[in-house]
Amino acid sequence: MYKRQGVNSIITDKDNGRCVIEITEDGYSKGGLHLLIGINSEGTIEGIEFLSIGETPGLGTKVQDDSFLSKFKGFGVDTDENSIDNVTAATYSSKGMKSACKKAVKLFDEHKEEILNG
């Protein structure tokens, strides 16, 4: 159902109203960002982990840095992704991260009941 959005799987913690969304997104490389995005019961991002990254070493791979990832804590459906600065020299990778995060929180927002009760 969600595969067309790049979502590979959804792992739920029904007791706490949270989930982890596994998503693959294009950065500079097609499918270069393979992520786990943790979403809390309020529908905002709690954390991001990389399963793999196929971006340019030393440039696009900088999206893995804590200084960039920390900007996504609290990211929700109402967050303007343009308010998060791109990593210098990694525009496509940065935009891919923003897109993946936006998709994940939007999916959770639109399908929360189904995700947590399905």
C-alpha atoms as a PDB file:
ATOM      1  CA  MET A   1       0.000   0.000   0.000  1.00  0.00           C
ATOM      2  CA  TYR A   2       2.772   2.473   0.862  1.00  0.00           C
ATOM      3  CA  LYS A   3       5.478   1.003  -1.399  1.00  0.00           C
ATOM      4  CA  ARG A   4       4.830   3.543  -4.132  1.00  0.00           C
ATOM      5  CA  GLN A   5       5.911   6.270  -1.716  1.00  0.00           C
ATOM      6  CA  GLY A   6       9.270   4.589  -1.114  1.00  0.00           C
ATOM      7  CA  VAL A   7       8.067   3.050   2.146  1.00  0.00           C
ATOM      8  CA  ASN A   8       9.490  -0.429   2.659  1.00  0.00           C
ATOM      9  CA  SER A   9       7.954  -1.264   6.025  1.00  0.00           C
ATOM     10  CA  ILE A  10       6.352   0.162   9.145  1.00  0.00           C
ATOM     11  CA  ILE A  11       7.160  -1.131  12.611  1.00  0.00           C
ATOM     12  CA  THR A  12       4.693  -0.111  15.293  1.00  0.00           C
ATOM     13  CA  ASP A  13       4.826   0.292  19.042  1.00  0.00           C
ATOM     14  CA  LYS A  14       1.066   0.282  19.572  1.00  0.00           C
ATOM     15  CA  ASP A  15       1.327   0.590  23.349  1.00  0.00           C
ATOM     16  CA  ASN A  16       3.117   3.925  23.066  1.00  0.00           C
ATOM     17  CA  GLY A  17       1.571   5.199  19.817  1.00  0.00           C
ATOM     18  CA  ARG A  18       4.885   5.307  17.993  1.00  0.00           C
ATOM     19  CA  CYS A  19       6.286   3.783  14.856  1.00  0.00           C
ATOM     20  CA  VAL A  20       9.408   3.450  12.765  1.00  0.00           C
ATOM     21  CA  ILE A  21       9.040   3.917   9.035  1.00  0.00           C
ATOM     22  CA  GLU A  22      11.629   2.312   6.763  1.00  0.00           C
ATOM     23  CA  ILE A  23      11.878   4.443   3.647  1.00  0.00           C
ATOM     24  CA  THR A  24      14.102   4.626   0.579  1.00  0.00           C
ATOM     25  CA  GLU A  25      14.479   8.012  -1.064  1.00  0.00           C
ATOM     26  CA  ASP A  26      16.497   9.485  -3.897  1.00  0.00           C
ATOM     27  CA  GLY A  27      19.249  11.884  -3.020  1.00  0.00           C
ATOM     28  CA  TYR A  28      22.003  12.522  -5.538  1.00  0.00           C
ATOM     29  CA  SER A  29      21.868   8.779  -6.234  1.00  0.00           C
ATOM     30  CA  LYS A  30      18.640   6.995  -7.112  1.00  0.00           C
ATOM     31  CA  GLY A  31      17.551   5.224  -3.909  1.00  0.00           C
ATOM     32  CA  GLY A  32      20.679   6.564  -2.214  1.00  0.00           C
ATOM     33  CA  LEU A  33      19.031   7.126   1.168  1.00  0.00           C
ATOM     34  CA  HIS A  34      17.724   4.066   3.028  1.00  0.00           C
ATOM     35  CA  LEU A  35      16.423   5.244   6.390  1.00  0.00           C
ATOM     36  CA  LEU A  36      14.568   4.358   9.543  1.00  0.00           C
ATOM     37  CA  ILE A  37      12.520   7.335  10.717  1.00  0.00           C
ATOM     38  CA  GLY A  38      11.100   7.164  14.241  1.00  0.00           C
ATOM     39  CA  ILE A  39       7.824   8.999  14.785  1.00  0.00           C
ATOM     40  CA  ASN A  40       6.259   9.636  18.195  1.00  0.00           C
ATOM     41  CA  SER A  41       2.592   9.711  19.190  1.00  0.00           C
ATOM     42  CA  GLU A  42       2.393  13.444  18.373  1.00  0.00           C
ATOM     43  CA  GLY A  43       3.399  12.644  14.790  1.00  0.00           C
ATOM     44  CA  THR A  44       6.819  14.256  14.928  1.00  0.00           C
ATOM     45  CA  ILE A  45      10.223  12.759  14.262  1.00  0.00           C
ATOM     46  CA  GLU A  46      12.104  11.408  17.281  1.00  0.00           C
ATOM     47  CA  GLY A  47      15.125  10.101  15.428  1.00  0.00           C
ATOM     48  CA  ILE A  48      16.647   8.948  12.151  1.00  0.00           C
ATOM     49  CA  GLU A  49      18.997   6.052  11.490  1.00  0.00           C
ATOM     50  CA  PHE A  50      20.635   5.045   8.225  1.00  0.00           C
ATOM     51  CA  LEU A  51      20.383   1.485   6.984  1.00  0.00           C
ATOM     52  CA  SER A  52      22.542   2.395   3.992  1.00  0.00           C
ATOM     53  CA  ILE A  53      23.664   5.435   2.068  1.00  0.00           C
ATOM     54  CA  GLY A  54      24.730   5.551  -1.563  1.00  0.00           C
ATOM     55  CA  GLU A  55      25.519   9.247  -1.743  1.00  0.00           C
ATOM     56  CA  THR A  56      28.840  10.801  -2.753  1.00  0.00           C
ATOM     57  CA  PRO A  57      31.471  10.083  -0.070  1.00  0.00           C
ATOM     58  CA  GLY A  58      32.583  13.206   1.767  1.00  0.00           C
ATOM     59  CA  LEU A  59      29.772  15.327   0.305  1.00  0.00           C
ATOM     60  CA  GLY A  60      26.339  13.697   0.280  1.00  0.00           C
ATOM     61  CA  THR A  61      27.284  11.407   3.127  1.00  0.00           C
ATOM     62  CA  LYS A  62      27.439  14.479   5.377  1.00  0.00           C
ATOM     63  CA  VAL A  63      23.653  14.183   5.763  1.00  0.00           C
ATOM     64  CA  GLN A  64      24.490  11.449   8.294  1.00  0.00           C
ATOM     65  CA  ASP A  65      26.180  13.954  10.605  1.00  0.00           C
ATOM     66  CA  ASP A  66      24.445  14.537  13.928  1.00  0.00           C
ATOM     67  CA  SER A  67      24.560  18.293  13.335  1.00  0.00           C
ATOM     68  CA  PHE A  68      22.253  17.846  10.321  1.00  0.00           C
ATOM     69  CA  LEU A  69      20.093  15.018  11.685  1.00  0.00           C
ATOM     70  CA  SER A  70      19.359  16.913  14.906  1.00  0.00           C
ATOM     71  CA  LYS A  71      17.522  19.549  12.840  1.00  0.00           C
ATOM     72  CA  PHE A  72      14.815  16.968  12.126  1.00  0.00           C
ATOM     73  CA  LYS A  73      13.936  16.299  15.774  1.00  0.00           C
ATOM     74  CA  GLY A  74      10.369  17.512  16.188  1.00  0.00           C
ATOM     75  CA  PHE A  75       9.794  17.689  12.402  1.00  0.00           C
ATOM     76  CA  GLY A  76       6.067  17.263  11.714  1.00  0.00           C
ATOM     77  CA  VAL A  77       3.514  17.735   8.955  1.00  0.00           C
ATOM     78  CA  ASP A  78       3.385  21.471   9.605  1.00  0.00           C
ATOM     79  CA  THR A  79       7.162  21.905   9.466  1.00  0.00           C
ATOM     80  CA  ASP A  80       8.408  23.882   6.483  1.00  0.00           C
ATOM     81  CA  GLU A  81      11.233  21.752   5.164  1.00  0.00           C
ATOM     82  CA  ASN A  82      12.778  24.892   3.641  1.00  0.00           C
ATOM     83  CA  SER A  83      13.448  26.110   7.184  1.00  0.00           C
ATOM     84  CA  ILE A  84      16.144  23.429   7.452  1.00  0.00           C
ATOM     85  CA  ASP A  85      19.381  24.492   5.803  1.00  0.00           C
ATOM     86  CA  ASN A  86      20.929  22.108   3.306  1.00  0.00           C
ATOM     87  CA  VAL A  87      24.335  20.592   3.941  1.00  0.00           C
ATOM     88  CA  THR A  88      26.877  22.636   1.978  1.00  0.00           C
ATOM     89  CA  ALA A  89      27.739  20.944  -1.344  1.00  0.00           C
ATOM     90  CA  ALA A  90      25.093  18.261  -0.723  1.00  0.00           C
ATOM     91  CA  THR A  91      21.916  19.896  -2.001  1.00  0.00           C
ATOM     92  CA  TYR A  92      20.390  16.788  -3.596  1.00  0.00           C
ATOM     93  CA  SER A  93      21.156  14.608  -0.591  1.00  0.00           C
ATOM     94  CA  SER A  94      19.717  17.249   1.756  1.00  0.00           C
ATOM     95  CA  LYS A  95      16.558  17.582  -0.324  1.00  0.00           C
ATOM     96  CA  GLY A  96      16.222  13.791  -0.342  1.00  0.00           C
ATOM     97  CA  MET A  97      16.388  13.736   3.460  1.00  0.00           C
ATOM     98  CA  LYS A  98      13.754  16.455   3.720  1.00  0.00           C
ATOM     99  CA  SER A  99      11.533  14.620   1.262  1.00  0.00           C
ATOM    100  CA  ALA A 100      11.853  11.321   3.149  1.00  0.00           C
ATOM    101  CA  CYS A 101      11.007  13.024   6.441  1.00  0.00           C
ATOM    102  CA  LYS A 102       8.026  14.853   4.958  1.00  0.00           C
ATOM    103  CA  LYS A 103       6.704  11.602   3.439  1.00  0.00           C
ATOM    104  CA  ALA A 104       7.108   9.729   6.709  1.00  0.00           C
ATOM    105  CA  VAL A 105       5.303  12.261   8.895  1.00  0.00           C
ATOM    106  CA  LYS A 106       2.577  12.798   6.299  1.00  0.00           C
ATOM    107  CA  LEU A 107       2.025   9.039   6.033  1.00  0.00           C
ATOM    108  CA  PHE A 108       1.763   8.754   9.815  1.00  0.00           C
ATOM    109  CA  ASP A 109      -0.584  11.730  10.009  1.00  0.00           C
ATOM    110  CA  GLU A 110      -2.906  10.441   7.285  1.00  0.00           C
ATOM    111  CA  HIS A 111      -2.906   6.786   8.374  1.00  0.00           C
ATOM    112  CA  LYS A 112      -2.259   6.937  12.131  1.00  0.00           C
ATOM    113  CA  GLU A 113      -5.237   4.800  13.141  1.00  0.00           C
ATOM    114  CA  GLU A 114      -4.482   2.187  10.512  1.00  0.00           C
ATOM    115  CA  ILE A 115      -0.779   2.093  11.384  1.00  0.00           C
ATOM    116  CA  LEU A 116      -1.329   1.786  15.118  1.00  0.00           C
ATOM    117  CA  ASN A 117      -4.377  -0.460  15.059  1.00  0.00           C
ATOM    118  CA  GLY A 118      -3.802  -2.480  11.872  1.00  0.00           C
END
